[in-house]
């Protein structure tokens, strides 16, 4: 069943959620957000998205490498006697360190943007 569309409706069509350009008198877009509250909400949403994605993906991969080492070698002593296993554990520790550092830097930059907004 197809719904009829009234093309003579006096109300404008609803716009999808998200950032919308504000049109000035000449009809050109002047800003991305209608007001500062919308901009602040967008910055906050971006912060929550990216920090969540950073920790979600990198931590899962690190756990997978540690779990694979444990499954193959079975004990810490055997992991520490194999060069490649030690290297993979070292890389996991470095990756987790970079993830924490990256989250801190992005968090500070977003905080600065929020304060600016």
PDB file of N, CA and C in Angstrom:
ATOM      1  N   UNK A   1       0.850  -1.172   0.000  1.00  0.00           N
ATOM      2  CA  UNK A   1       0.000   0.000   0.000  1.00  0.00           C
ATOM      3  C   UNK A   1       0.893   1.231   0.000  1.00  0.00           C
ATOM      4  N   UNK A   2       0.640   2.149  -0.894  1.00  0.00           N
ATOM      5  CA  UNK A   2       1.432   3.359  -1.041  1.00  0.00           C
ATOM      6  C   UNK A   2       0.649   4.524  -0.460  1.00  0.00           C
ATOM      7  N   UNK A   3       1.299   5.290   0.384  1.00  0.00           N
ATOM      8  CA  UNK A   3       0.656   6.456   0.982  1.00  0.00           C
ATOM      9  C   UNK A   3       0.708   7.620   0.014  1.00  0.00           C
ATOM     10  N   UNK A   4      -0.355   8.364  -0.030  1.00  0.00           N
ATOM     11  CA  UNK A   4      -0.405   9.529  -0.909  1.00  0.00           C
ATOM     12  C   UNK A   4       0.391  10.669  -0.289  1.00  0.00           C
ATOM     13  N   UNK A   5       1.092  11.414  -1.147  1.00  0.00           N
ATOM     14  CA  UNK A   5       1.889  12.544  -0.693  1.00  0.00           C
ATOM     15  C   UNK A   5       1.197  13.815  -1.124  1.00  0.00           C
ATOM     16  N   UNK A   6       0.921  14.697  -0.184  1.00  0.00           N
ATOM     17  CA  UNK A   6       0.275  15.969  -0.473  1.00  0.00           C
ATOM     18  C   UNK A   6       1.342  16.982  -0.853  1.00  0.00           C
ATOM     19  N   UNK A   7       1.423  17.329  -2.149  1.00  0.00           N
ATOM     20  CA  UNK A   7       2.449  18.266  -2.610  1.00  0.00           C
ATOM     21  C   UNK A   7       2.070  19.711  -2.357  1.00  0.00           C
ATOM     22  N   UNK A   8       0.824  19.973  -1.987  1.00  0.00           N
ATOM     23  CA  UNK A   8       0.365  21.336  -1.731  1.00  0.00           C
ATOM     24  C   UNK A   8       0.332  21.650  -0.240  1.00  0.00           C
ATOM     25  N   UNK A   9       1.007  20.858   0.567  1.00  0.00           N
ATOM     26  CA  UNK A   9       0.987  21.075   2.013  1.00  0.00           C
ATOM     27  C   UNK A   9       1.684  22.385   2.348  1.00  0.00           C
ATOM     28  N   UNK A  10       1.150  23.099   3.339  1.00  0.00           N
ATOM     29  CA  UNK A  10       1.729  24.386   3.723  1.00  0.00           C
ATOM     30  C   UNK A  10       2.928  24.224   4.650  1.00  0.00           C
ATOM     31  N   UNK A  11       3.077  23.056   5.276  1.00  0.00           N
ATOM     32  CA  UNK A  11       4.195  22.817   6.180  1.00  0.00           C
ATOM     33  C   UNK A  11       5.384  22.266   5.401  1.00  0.00           C
ATOM     34  N   UNK A  12       6.609  22.717   5.758  1.00  0.00           N
ATOM     35  CA  UNK A  12       7.785  22.170   5.075  1.00  0.00           C
ATOM     36  C   UNK A  12       8.026  20.729   5.503  1.00  0.00           C
ATOM     37  N   UNK A  13       8.710  19.991   4.632  1.00  0.00           N
ATOM     38  CA  UNK A  13       9.033  18.597   4.938  1.00  0.00           C
ATOM     39  C   UNK A  13       9.991  18.546   6.118  1.00  0.00           C
ATOM     40  N   UNK A  14       9.861  17.541   7.002  1.00  0.00           N
ATOM     41  CA  UNK A  14      10.777  17.450   8.148  1.00  0.00           C
ATOM     42  C   UNK A  14      12.204  17.183   7.678  1.00  0.00           C
ATOM     43  N   UNK A  15      13.149  17.755   8.391  1.00  0.00           N
ATOM     44  CA  UNK A  15      14.556  17.549   8.059  1.00  0.00           C
ATOM     45  C   UNK A  15      15.124  16.448   8.942  1.00  0.00           C
ATOM     46  N   UNK A  16      16.066  15.692   8.421  1.00  0.00           N
ATOM     47  CA  UNK A  16      16.654  14.626   9.230  1.00  0.00           C
ATOM     48  C   UNK A  16      17.450  15.208  10.385  1.00  0.00           C
ATOM     49  N   UNK A  17      17.616  14.437  11.480  1.00  0.00           N
ATOM     50  CA  UNK A  17      18.398  14.939  12.607  1.00  0.00           C
ATOM     51  C   UNK A  17      19.858  15.096  12.224  1.00  0.00           C
ATOM     52  N   UNK A  18      20.544  15.919  12.954  1.00  0.00           N
ATOM     53  CA  UNK A  18      21.964  16.137  12.714  1.00  0.00           C
ATOM     54  C   UNK A  18      22.230  17.598  12.425  1.00  0.00           C
ATOM     55  N   UNK A  19      23.486  17.922  12.144  1.00  0.00           N
ATOM     56  CA  UNK A  19      23.833  19.326  11.901  1.00  0.00           C
ATOM     57  C   UNK A  19      23.177  19.833  10.624  1.00  0.00           C
ATOM     58  N   UNK A  20      22.607  21.002  10.694  1.00  0.00           N
ATOM     59  CA  UNK A  20      21.957  21.614   9.548  1.00  0.00           C
ATOM     60  C   UNK A  20      22.572  22.984   9.315  1.00  0.00           C
ATOM     61  N   UNK A  21      22.736  23.329   8.064  1.00  0.00           N
ATOM     62  CA  UNK A  21      23.238  24.654   7.735  1.00  0.00           C
ATOM     63  C   UNK A  21      22.131  25.679   7.939  1.00  0.00           C
ATOM     64  N   UNK A  22      22.480  26.812   8.497  1.00  0.00           N
ATOM     65  CA  UNK A  22      21.525  27.887   8.712  1.00  0.00           C
ATOM     66  C   UNK A  22      21.621  28.815   7.506  1.00  0.00           C
ATOM     67  N   UNK A  23      20.487  29.119   6.919  1.00  0.00           N
ATOM     68  CA  UNK A  23      20.460  29.994   5.743  1.00  0.00           C
ATOM     69  C   UNK A  23      20.273  31.440   6.184  1.00  0.00           C
ATOM     70  N   UNK A  24      21.117  32.323   5.655  1.00  0.00           N
ATOM     71  CA  UNK A  24      20.953  33.734   5.979  1.00  0.00           C
ATOM     72  C   UNK A  24      20.015  34.375   4.961  1.00  0.00           C
ATOM     73  N   UNK A  25      19.877  35.685   4.992  1.00  0.00           N
ATOM     74  CA  UNK A  25      18.910  36.386   4.146  1.00  0.00           C
ATOM     75  C   UNK A  25      19.181  36.150   2.671  1.00  0.00           C
ATOM     76  N   UNK A  26      20.447  36.083   2.279  1.00  0.00           N
ATOM     77  CA  UNK A  26      20.766  35.901   0.865  1.00  0.00           C
ATOM     78  C   UNK A  26      20.589  34.462   0.395  1.00  0.00           C
ATOM     79  N   UNK A  27      20.308  33.547   1.320  1.00  0.00           N
ATOM     80  CA  UNK A  27      20.058  32.167   0.933  1.00  0.00           C
ATOM     81  C   UNK A  27      21.287  31.275   0.970  1.00  0.00           C
ATOM     82  N   UNK A  28      22.429  31.807   1.363  1.00  0.00           N
ATOM     83  CA  UNK A  28      23.649  30.987   1.436  1.00  0.00           C
ATOM     84  C   UNK A  28      23.831  30.475   2.855  1.00  0.00           C
ATOM     85  N   UNK A  29      24.488  29.353   2.972  1.00  0.00           N
ATOM     86  CA  UNK A  29      24.728  28.773   4.293  1.00  0.00           C
ATOM     87  C   UNK A  29      25.770  29.604   5.027  1.00  0.00           C
ATOM     88  N   UNK A  30      25.468  29.983   6.280  1.00  0.00           N
ATOM     89  CA  UNK A  30      26.412  30.813   7.021  1.00  0.00           C
ATOM     90  C   UNK A  30      27.089  30.048   8.152  1.00  0.00           C
ATOM     91  N   UNK A  31      26.395  29.104   8.781  1.00  0.00           N
ATOM     92  CA  UNK A  31      26.983  28.326   9.855  1.00  0.00           C
ATOM     93  C   UNK A  31      26.510  26.889   9.745  1.00  0.00           C
ATOM     94  N   UNK A  32      27.182  26.029  10.457  1.00  0.00           N
ATOM     95  CA  UNK A  32      26.831  24.615  10.430  1.00  0.00           C
ATOM     96  C   UNK A  32      25.742  24.286  11.422  1.00  0.00           C
ATOM     97  N   UNK A  33      25.702  24.976  12.557  1.00  0.00           N
ATOM     98  CA  UNK A  33      24.736  24.686  13.614  1.00  0.00           C
ATOM     99  C   UNK A  33      23.866  25.905  13.879  1.00  0.00           C
ATOM    100  N   UNK A  34      22.654  25.644  14.316  1.00  0.00           N
ATOM    101  CA  UNK A  34      21.709  26.726  14.573  1.00  0.00           C
ATOM    102  C   UNK A  34      22.121  27.571  15.771  1.00  0.00           C
ATOM    103  N   UNK A  35      22.678  26.927  16.789  1.00  0.00           N
ATOM    104  CA  UNK A  35      23.119  27.676  17.965  1.00  0.00           C
ATOM    105  C   UNK A  35      24.275  26.943  18.635  1.00  0.00           C
ATOM    106  N   UNK A  36      24.811  27.572  19.663  1.00  0.00           N
ATOM    107  CA  UNK A  36      25.982  27.016  20.352  1.00  0.00           C
ATOM    108  C   UNK A  36      25.657  25.702  21.052  1.00  0.00           C
ATOM    109  N   UNK A  37      24.447  25.527  21.520  1.00  0.00           N
ATOM    110  CA  UNK A  37      24.079  24.290  22.210  1.00  0.00           C
ATOM    111  C   UNK A  37      24.127  23.098  21.259  1.00  0.00           C
ATOM    112  N   UNK A  38      23.685  23.297  20.015  1.00  0.00           N
ATOM    113  CA  UNK A  38      23.765  22.218  19.031  1.00  0.00           C
ATOM    114  C   UNK A  38      25.218  21.873  18.707  1.00  0.00           C
ATOM    115  N   UNK A  39      26.060  22.883  18.587  1.00  0.00           N
ATOM    116  CA  UNK A  39      27.478  22.648  18.305  1.00  0.00           C
ATOM    117  C   UNK A  39      28.151  21.919  19.457  1.00  0.00           C
ATOM    118  N   UNK A  40      27.834  22.326  20.674  1.00  0.00           N
ATOM    119  CA  UNK A  40      28.406  21.686  21.853  1.00  0.00           C
ATOM    120  C   UNK A  40      27.972  20.229  21.942  1.00  0.00           C
ATOM    121  N   UNK A  41      26.727  19.955  21.632  1.00  0.00           N
ATOM    122  CA  UNK A  41      26.228  18.580  21.650  1.00  0.00           C
ATOM    123  C   UNK A  41      26.949  17.739  20.596  1.00  0.00           C
ATOM    124  N   UNK A  42      27.196  18.298  19.422  1.00  0.00           N
ATOM    125  CA  UNK A  42      27.896  17.569  18.363  1.00  0.00           C
ATOM    126  C   UNK A  42      29.333  17.245  18.769  1.00  0.00           C
ATOM    127  N   UNK A  43      30.009  18.207  19.397  1.00  0.00           N
ATOM    128  CA  UNK A  43      31.381  17.964  19.851  1.00  0.00           C
ATOM    129  C   UNK A  43      31.398  16.871  20.912  1.00  0.00           C
ATOM    130  N   UNK A  44      30.453  16.915  21.828  1.00  0.00           N
ATOM    131  CA  UNK A  44      30.378  15.910  22.884  1.00  0.00           C
ATOM    132  C   UNK A  44      30.085  14.527  22.302  1.00  0.00           C
ATOM    133  N   UNK A  45      29.165  14.461  21.349  1.00  0.00           N
ATOM    134  CA  UNK A  45      28.843  13.183  20.715  1.00  0.00           C
ATOM    135  C   UNK A  45      30.052  12.611  19.973  1.00  0.00           C
ATOM    136  N   UNK A  46      30.805  13.479  19.286  1.00  0.00           N
ATOM    137  CA  UNK A  46      32.022  13.032  18.604  1.00  0.00           C
ATOM    138  C   UNK A  46      33.039  12.505  19.602  1.00  0.00           C
ATOM    139  N   UNK A  47      33.184  13.185  20.722  1.00  0.00           N
ATOM    140  CA  UNK A  47      34.116  12.744  21.759  1.00  0.00           C
ATOM    141  C   UNK A  47      33.752  11.347  22.260  1.00  0.00           C
ATOM    142  N   UNK A  48      32.491  11.155  22.571  1.00  0.00           N
ATOM    143  CA  UNK A  48      32.055   9.852  23.083  1.00  0.00           C
ATOM    144  C   UNK A  48      32.225   8.757  22.032  1.00  0.00           C
ATOM    145  N   UNK A  49      31.978   9.070  20.772  1.00  0.00           N
ATOM    146  CA  UNK A  49      32.117   8.081  19.705  1.00  0.00           C
ATOM    147  C   UNK A  49      33.574   7.659  19.538  1.00  0.00           C
ATOM    148  N   UNK A  50      34.473   8.626  19.371  1.00  0.00           N
ATOM    149  CA  UNK A  50      35.865   8.290  19.070  1.00  0.00           C
ATOM    150  C   UNK A  50      36.591   7.668  20.255  1.00  0.00           C
ATOM    151  N   UNK A  51      36.349   8.155  21.454  1.00  0.00           N
ATOM    152  CA  UNK A  51      37.021   7.534  22.591  1.00  0.00           C
ATOM    153  C   UNK A  51      36.510   6.118  22.815  1.00  0.00           C
ATOM    154  N   UNK A  52      35.243   5.898  22.570  1.00  0.00           N
ATOM    155  CA  UNK A  52      34.699   4.540  22.676  1.00  0.00           C
ATOM    156  C   UNK A  52      35.285   3.612  21.638  1.00  0.00           C
ATOM    157  N   UNK A  53      35.408   4.081  20.414  1.00  0.00           N
ATOM    158  CA  UNK A  53      35.962   3.247  19.338  1.00  0.00           C
ATOM    159  C   UNK A  53      37.435   2.942  19.577  1.00  0.00           C
ATOM    160  N   UNK A  54      38.187   3.914  20.064  1.00  0.00           N
ATOM    161  CA  UNK A  54      39.609   3.690  20.326  1.00  0.00           C
ATOM    162  C   UNK A  54      39.808   2.559  21.326  1.00  0.00           C
ATOM    163  N   UNK A  55      39.100   2.643  22.418  1.00  0.00           N
ATOM    164  CA  UNK A  55      39.309   1.632  23.451  1.00  0.00           C
ATOM    165  C   UNK A  55      38.692   0.301  23.067  1.00  0.00           C
ATOM    166  N   UNK A  56      37.561   0.332  22.383  1.00  0.00           N
ATOM    167  CA  UNK A  56      36.865  -0.906  22.028  1.00  0.00           C
ATOM    168  C   UNK A  56      37.709  -1.792  21.116  1.00  0.00           C
ATOM    169  N   UNK A  57      38.192  -1.255  20.035  1.00  0.00           N
ATOM    170  CA  UNK A  57      38.906  -2.055  19.036  1.00  0.00           C
ATOM    171  C   UNK A  57      40.301  -2.447  19.497  1.00  0.00           C
ATOM    172  N   UNK A  58      41.064  -1.508  19.985  1.00  0.00           N
ATOM    173  CA  UNK A  58      42.446  -1.805  20.327  1.00  0.00           C
ATOM    174  C   UNK A  58      42.554  -2.771  21.500  1.00  0.00           C
ATOM    175  N   UNK A  59      41.717  -2.619  22.486  1.00  0.00           N
ATOM    176  CA  UNK A  59      41.779  -3.498  23.647  1.00  0.00           C
ATOM    177  C   UNK A  59      41.374  -4.925  23.260  1.00  0.00           C
ATOM    178  N   UNK A  60      40.371  -5.062  22.408  1.00  0.00           N
ATOM    179  CA  UNK A  60      39.953  -6.398  21.975  1.00  0.00           C
ATOM    180  C   UNK A  60      41.062  -7.103  21.218  1.00  0.00           C
ATOM    181  N   UNK A  61      41.758  -6.385  20.363  1.00  0.00           N
ATOM    182  CA  UNK A  61      42.865  -6.994  19.618  1.00  0.00           C
ATOM    183  C   UNK A  61      44.009  -7.388  20.552  1.00  0.00           C
ATOM    184  N   UNK A  62      44.281  -6.572  21.531  1.00  0.00           N
ATOM    185  CA  UNK A  62      45.339  -6.898  22.491  1.00  0.00           C
ATOM    186  C   UNK A  62      44.981  -8.143  23.296  1.00  0.00           C
ATOM    187  N   UNK A  63      43.735  -8.228  23.721  1.00  0.00           N
ATOM    188  CA  UNK A  63      43.296  -9.426  24.443  1.00  0.00           C
ATOM    189  C   UNK A  63      43.400 -10.661  23.555  1.00  0.00           C
ATOM    190  N   UNK A  64      43.100 -10.508  22.277  1.00  0.00           N
ATOM    191  CA  UNK A  64      43.178 -11.647  21.356  1.00  0.00           C
ATOM    192  C   UNK A  64      44.616 -12.145  21.228  1.00  0.00           C
ATOM    193  N   UNK A  65      45.580 -11.241  21.135  1.00  0.00           N
ATOM    194  CA  UNK A  65      46.991 -11.650  21.031  1.00  0.00           C
ATOM    195  C   UNK A  65      47.439 -12.332  22.323  1.00  0.00           C
ATOM    196  N   UNK A  66      47.077 -11.754  23.469  1.00  0.00           N
ATOM    197  CA  UNK A  66      47.447 -12.385  24.740  1.00  0.00           C
ATOM    198  C   UNK A  66      46.786 -13.754  24.892  1.00  0.00           C
ATOM    199  N   UNK A  67      45.535 -13.866  24.489  1.00  0.00           N
ATOM    200  CA  UNK A  67      44.839 -15.149  24.551  1.00  0.00           C
ATOM    201  C   UNK A  67      45.454 -16.181  23.628  1.00  0.00           C
ATOM    202  N   UNK A  68      45.884 -15.761  22.451  1.00  0.00           N
ATOM    203  CA  UNK A  68      46.538 -16.678  21.519  1.00  0.00           C
ATOM    204  C   UNK A  68      47.864 -17.168  22.093  1.00  0.00           C
ATOM    205  N   UNK A  69      48.623 -16.278  22.687  1.00  0.00           N
ATOM    206  CA  UNK A  69      49.877 -16.690  23.333  1.00  0.00           C
ATOM    207  C   UNK A  69      49.607 -17.707  24.439  1.00  0.00           C
ATOM    208  N   UNK A  70      48.606 -17.438  25.227  1.00  0.00           N
ATOM    209  CA  UNK A  70      48.287 -18.339  26.331  1.00  0.00           C
ATOM    210  C   UNK A  70      47.832 -19.695  25.801  1.00  0.00           C
ATOM    211  N   UNK A  71      47.037 -19.688  24.721  1.00  0.00           N
ATOM    212  CA  UNK A  71      46.545 -20.948  24.149  1.00  0.00           C
ATOM    213  C   UNK A  71      47.679 -21.772  23.548  1.00  0.00           C
ATOM    214  N   UNK A  72      48.630 -21.111  22.933  1.00  0.00           N
ATOM    215  CA  UNK A  72      49.735 -21.835  22.288  1.00  0.00           C
ATOM    216  C   UNK A  72      50.755 -22.311  23.313  1.00  0.00           C
ATOM    217  N   UNK A  73      51.144 -21.457  24.229  1.00  0.00           N
ATOM    218  CA  UNK A  73      52.236 -21.799  25.142  1.00  0.00           C
ATOM    219  C   UNK A  73      51.773 -22.338  26.492  1.00  0.00           C
ATOM    220  N   UNK A  74      50.616 -21.947  26.967  1.00  0.00           N
ATOM    221  CA  UNK A  74      50.041 -22.534  28.166  1.00  0.00           C
ATOM    222  C   UNK A  74      50.522 -22.006  29.498  1.00  0.00           C
ATOM    223  N   UNK A  75      51.639 -21.313  29.551  1.00  0.00           N
ATOM    224  CA  UNK A  75      52.114 -20.771  30.825  1.00  0.00           C
ATOM    225  C   UNK A  75      52.989 -19.556  30.566  1.00  0.00           C
ATOM    226  N   UNK A  76      53.150 -18.756  31.603  1.00  0.00           N
ATOM    227  CA  UNK A  76      53.970 -17.556  31.489  1.00  0.00           C
ATOM    228  C   UNK A  76      55.434 -17.929  31.252  1.00  0.00           C
ATOM    229  N   UNK A  77      55.907 -18.976  31.911  1.00  0.00           N
ATOM    230  CA  UNK A  77      57.304 -19.389  31.739  1.00  0.00           C
ATOM    231  C   UNK A  77      57.603 -19.752  30.287  1.00  0.00           C
ATOM    232  N   UNK A  78      56.696 -20.460  29.639  1.00  0.00           N
ATOM    233  CA  UNK A  78      56.914 -20.834  28.236  1.00  0.00           C
ATOM    234  C   UNK A  78      56.822 -19.629  27.313  1.00  0.00           C
ATOM    235  N   UNK A  79      55.936 -18.686  27.650  1.00  0.00           N
ATOM    236  CA  UNK A  79      55.837 -17.462  26.843  1.00  0.00           C
ATOM    237  C   UNK A  79      57.139 -16.675  26.934  1.00  0.00           C
ATOM    238  N   UNK A  80      57.714 -16.606  28.129  1.00  0.00           N
ATOM    239  CA  UNK A  80      58.930 -15.812  28.324  1.00  0.00           C
ATOM    240  C   UNK A  80      60.180 -16.483  27.765  1.00  0.00           C
ATOM    241  N   UNK A  81      60.097 -17.747  27.385  1.00  0.00           N
ATOM    242  CA  UNK A  81      61.263 -18.411  26.782  1.00  0.00           C
ATOM    243  C   UNK A  81      61.261 -18.306  25.260  1.00  0.00           C
ATOM    244  N   UNK A  82      60.147 -17.875  24.657  1.00  0.00           N
ATOM    245  CA  UNK A  82      60.061 -17.764  23.203  1.00  0.00           C
ATOM    246  C   UNK A  82      60.194 -16.298  22.800  1.00  0.00           C
ATOM    247  N   UNK A  83      61.115 -16.018  21.889  1.00  0.00           N
ATOM    248  CA  UNK A  83      61.377 -14.646  21.460  1.00  0.00           C
ATOM    249  C   UNK A  83      60.126 -14.001  20.864  1.00  0.00           C
ATOM    250  N   UNK A  84      59.443 -14.710  19.952  1.00  0.00           N
ATOM    251  CA  UNK A  84      58.295 -14.147  19.263  1.00  0.00           C
ATOM    252  C   UNK A  84      57.122 -13.908  20.213  1.00  0.00           C
ATOM    253  N   UNK A  85      56.963 -14.770  21.175  1.00  0.00           N
ATOM    254  CA  UNK A  85      55.902 -14.581  22.160  1.00  0.00           C
ATOM    255  C   UNK A  85      56.194 -13.347  23.017  1.00  0.00           C
ATOM    256  N   UNK A  86      57.460 -13.200  23.433  1.00  0.00           N
ATOM    257  CA  UNK A  86      57.826 -12.014  24.216  1.00  0.00           C
ATOM    258  C   UNK A  86      57.626 -10.744  23.397  1.00  0.00           C
ATOM    259  N   UNK A  87      57.998 -10.811  22.117  1.00  0.00           N
ATOM    260  CA  UNK A  87      57.828  -9.652  21.244  1.00  0.00           C
ATOM    261  C   UNK A  87      56.352  -9.287  21.101  1.00  0.00           C
ATOM    262  N   UNK A  88      55.494 -10.287  20.953  1.00  0.00           N
ATOM    263  CA  UNK A  88      54.060  -9.992  20.816  1.00  0.00           C
ATOM    264  C   UNK A  88      53.496  -9.382  22.098  1.00  0.00           C
ATOM    265  N   UNK A  89      53.939  -9.870  23.254  1.00  0.00           N
ATOM    266  CA  UNK A  89      53.482  -9.293  24.518  1.00  0.00           C
ATOM    267  C   UNK A  89      53.983  -7.851  24.649  1.00  0.00           C
ATOM    268  N   UNK A  90      55.222  -7.602  24.251  1.00  0.00           N
ATOM    269  CA  UNK A  90      55.758  -6.246  24.277  1.00  0.00           C
ATOM    270  C   UNK A  90      54.952  -5.328  23.365  1.00  0.00           C
ATOM    271  N   UNK A  91      54.607  -5.814  22.182  1.00  0.00           N
ATOM    272  CA  UNK A  91      53.816  -5.003  21.261  1.00  0.00           C
ATOM    273  C   UNK A  91      52.410  -4.737  21.811  1.00  0.00           C
ATOM    274  N   UNK A  92      51.851  -5.698  22.521  1.00  0.00           N
ATOM    275  CA  UNK A  92      50.544  -5.492  23.146  1.00  0.00           C
ATOM    276  C   UNK A  92      50.652  -4.394  24.201  1.00  0.00           C
ATOM    277  N   UNK A  93      51.677  -4.444  25.010  1.00  0.00           N
ATOM    278  CA  UNK A  93      51.861  -3.422  26.049  1.00  0.00           C
ATOM    279  C   UNK A  93      52.046  -2.046  25.408  1.00  0.00           C
ATOM    280  N   UNK A  94      52.833  -1.976  24.337  1.00  0.00           N
ATOM    281  CA  UNK A  94      53.018  -0.704  23.630  1.00  0.00           C
ATOM    282  C   UNK A  94      51.707  -0.217  23.015  1.00  0.00           C
ATOM    283  N   UNK A  95      50.950  -1.125  22.418  1.00  0.00           N
ATOM    284  CA  UNK A  95      49.675  -0.737  21.809  1.00  0.00           C
ATOM    285  C   UNK A  95      48.706  -0.205  22.856  1.00  0.00           C
ATOM    286  N   UNK A  96      48.656  -0.860  24.006  1.00  0.00           N
ATOM    287  CA  UNK A  96      47.779  -0.371  25.072  1.00  0.00           C
ATOM    288  C   UNK A  96      48.245   0.997  25.572  1.00  0.00           C
ATOM    289  N   UNK A  97      49.553   1.175  25.663  1.00  0.00           N
ATOM    290  CA  UNK A  97      50.092   2.481  26.068  1.00  0.00           C
ATOM    291  C   UNK A  97      49.742   3.570  25.072  1.00  0.00           C
ATOM    292  N   UNK A  98      49.883   3.264  23.767  1.00  0.00           N
ATOM    293  CA  UNK A  98      49.508   4.242  22.745  1.00  0.00           C
ATOM    294  C   UNK A  98      48.010   4.520  22.752  1.00  0.00           C
ATOM    295  N   UNK A  99      47.201   3.514  23.040  1.00  0.00           N
ATOM    296  CA  UNK A  99      45.752   3.719  23.115  1.00  0.00           C
ATOM    297  C   UNK A  99      45.402   4.658  24.256  1.00  0.00           C
ATOM    298  N   UNK A 100      46.061   4.481  25.389  1.00  0.00           N
ATOM    299  CA  UNK A 100      45.813   5.371  26.527  1.00  0.00           C
ATOM    300  C   UNK A 100      46.281   6.784  26.194  1.00  0.00           C
ATOM    301  N   UNK A 101      47.458   6.904  25.595  1.00  0.00           N
ATOM    302  CA  UNK A 101      47.980   8.213  25.216  1.00  0.00           C
ATOM    303  C   UNK A 101      47.075   8.882  24.179  1.00  0.00           C
ATOM    304  N   UNK A 102      46.646   8.121  23.176  1.00  0.00           N
ATOM    305  CA  UNK A 102      45.755   8.671  22.158  1.00  0.00           C
ATOM    306  C   UNK A 102      44.427   9.110  22.741  1.00  0.00           C
ATOM    307  N   UNK A 103      43.868   8.316  23.639  1.00  0.00           N
ATOM    308  CA  UNK A 103      42.608   8.692  24.285  1.00  0.00           C
ATOM    309  C   UNK A 103      42.774   9.962  25.103  1.00  0.00           C
ATOM    310  N   UNK A 104      43.906  10.079  25.789  1.00  0.00           N
ATOM    311  CA  UNK A 104      44.163  11.279  26.587  1.00  0.00           C
ATOM    312  C   UNK A 104      44.272  12.514  25.687  1.00  0.00           C
ATOM    313  N   UNK A 105      45.022  12.396  24.591  1.00  0.00           N
ATOM    314  CA  UNK A 105      45.190  13.539  23.697  1.00  0.00           C
ATOM    315  C   UNK A 105      43.875  13.945  23.046  1.00  0.00           C
ATOM    316  N   UNK A 106      43.120  12.972  22.566  1.00  0.00           N
ATOM    317  CA  UNK A 106      41.839  13.294  21.943  1.00  0.00           C
ATOM    318  C   UNK A 106      40.871  13.857  22.980  1.00  0.00           C
ATOM    319  N   UNK A 107      40.901  13.297  24.175  1.00  0.00           N
ATOM    320  CA  UNK A 107      40.052  13.815  25.242  1.00  0.00           C
ATOM    321  C   UNK A 107      40.372  15.259  25.575  1.00  0.00           C
ATOM    322  N   UNK A 108      41.657  15.601  25.636  1.00  0.00           N
ATOM    323  CA  UNK A 108      42.046  16.983  25.920  1.00  0.00           C
ATOM    324  C   UNK A 108      41.638  17.919  24.792  1.00  0.00           C
ATOM    325  N   UNK A 109      41.817  17.474  23.548  1.00  0.00           N
ATOM    326  CA  UNK A 109      41.427  18.315  22.420  1.00  0.00           C
ATOM    327  C   UNK A 109      39.917  18.544  22.401  1.00  0.00           C
ATOM    328  N   UNK A 110      39.144  17.520  22.682  1.00  0.00           N
ATOM    329  CA  UNK A 110      37.700  17.701  22.720  1.00  0.00           C
ATOM    330  C   UNK A 110      37.276  18.582  23.900  1.00  0.00           C
ATOM    331  N   UNK A 111      37.957  18.433  25.027  1.00  0.00           N
ATOM    332  CA  UNK A 111      37.649  19.306  26.162  1.00  0.00           C
ATOM    333  C   UNK A 111      37.918  20.760  25.790  1.00  0.00           C
ATOM    334  N   UNK A 112      39.014  21.010  25.076  1.00  0.00           N
ATOM    335  CA  UNK A 112      39.311  22.370  24.626  1.00  0.00           C
ATOM    336  C   UNK A 112      38.225  22.891  23.691  1.00  0.00           C
ATOM    337  N   UNK A 113      37.748  22.033  22.796  1.00  0.00           N
ATOM    338  CA  UNK A 113      36.674  22.425  21.886  1.00  0.00           C
ATOM    339  C   UNK A 113      35.382  22.722  22.640  1.00  0.00           C
ATOM    340  N   UNK A 114      35.093  21.911  23.643  1.00  0.00           N
ATOM    341  CA  UNK A 114      33.889  22.132  24.443  1.00  0.00           C
ATOM    342  C   UNK A 114      34.001  23.451  25.205  1.00  0.00           C
ATOM    343  N   UNK A 115      35.172  23.705  25.779  1.00  0.00           N
ATOM    344  CA  UNK A 115      35.377  24.973  26.487  1.00  0.00           C
ATOM    345  C   UNK A 115      35.289  26.152  25.529  1.00  0.00           C
ATOM    346  N   UNK A 116      35.816  25.991  24.317  1.00  0.00           N
ATOM    347  CA  UNK A 116      35.736  27.041  23.324  1.00  0.00           C
ATOM    348  C   UNK A 116      34.290  27.297  22.907  1.00  0.00           C
ATOM    349  N   UNK A 117      33.540  26.205  22.764  1.00  0.00           N
ATOM    350  CA  UNK A 117      32.131  26.353  22.340  1.00  0.00           C
ATOM    351  C   UNK A 117      31.331  27.014  23.440  1.00  0.00           C
TER     352      UNK A 117
END
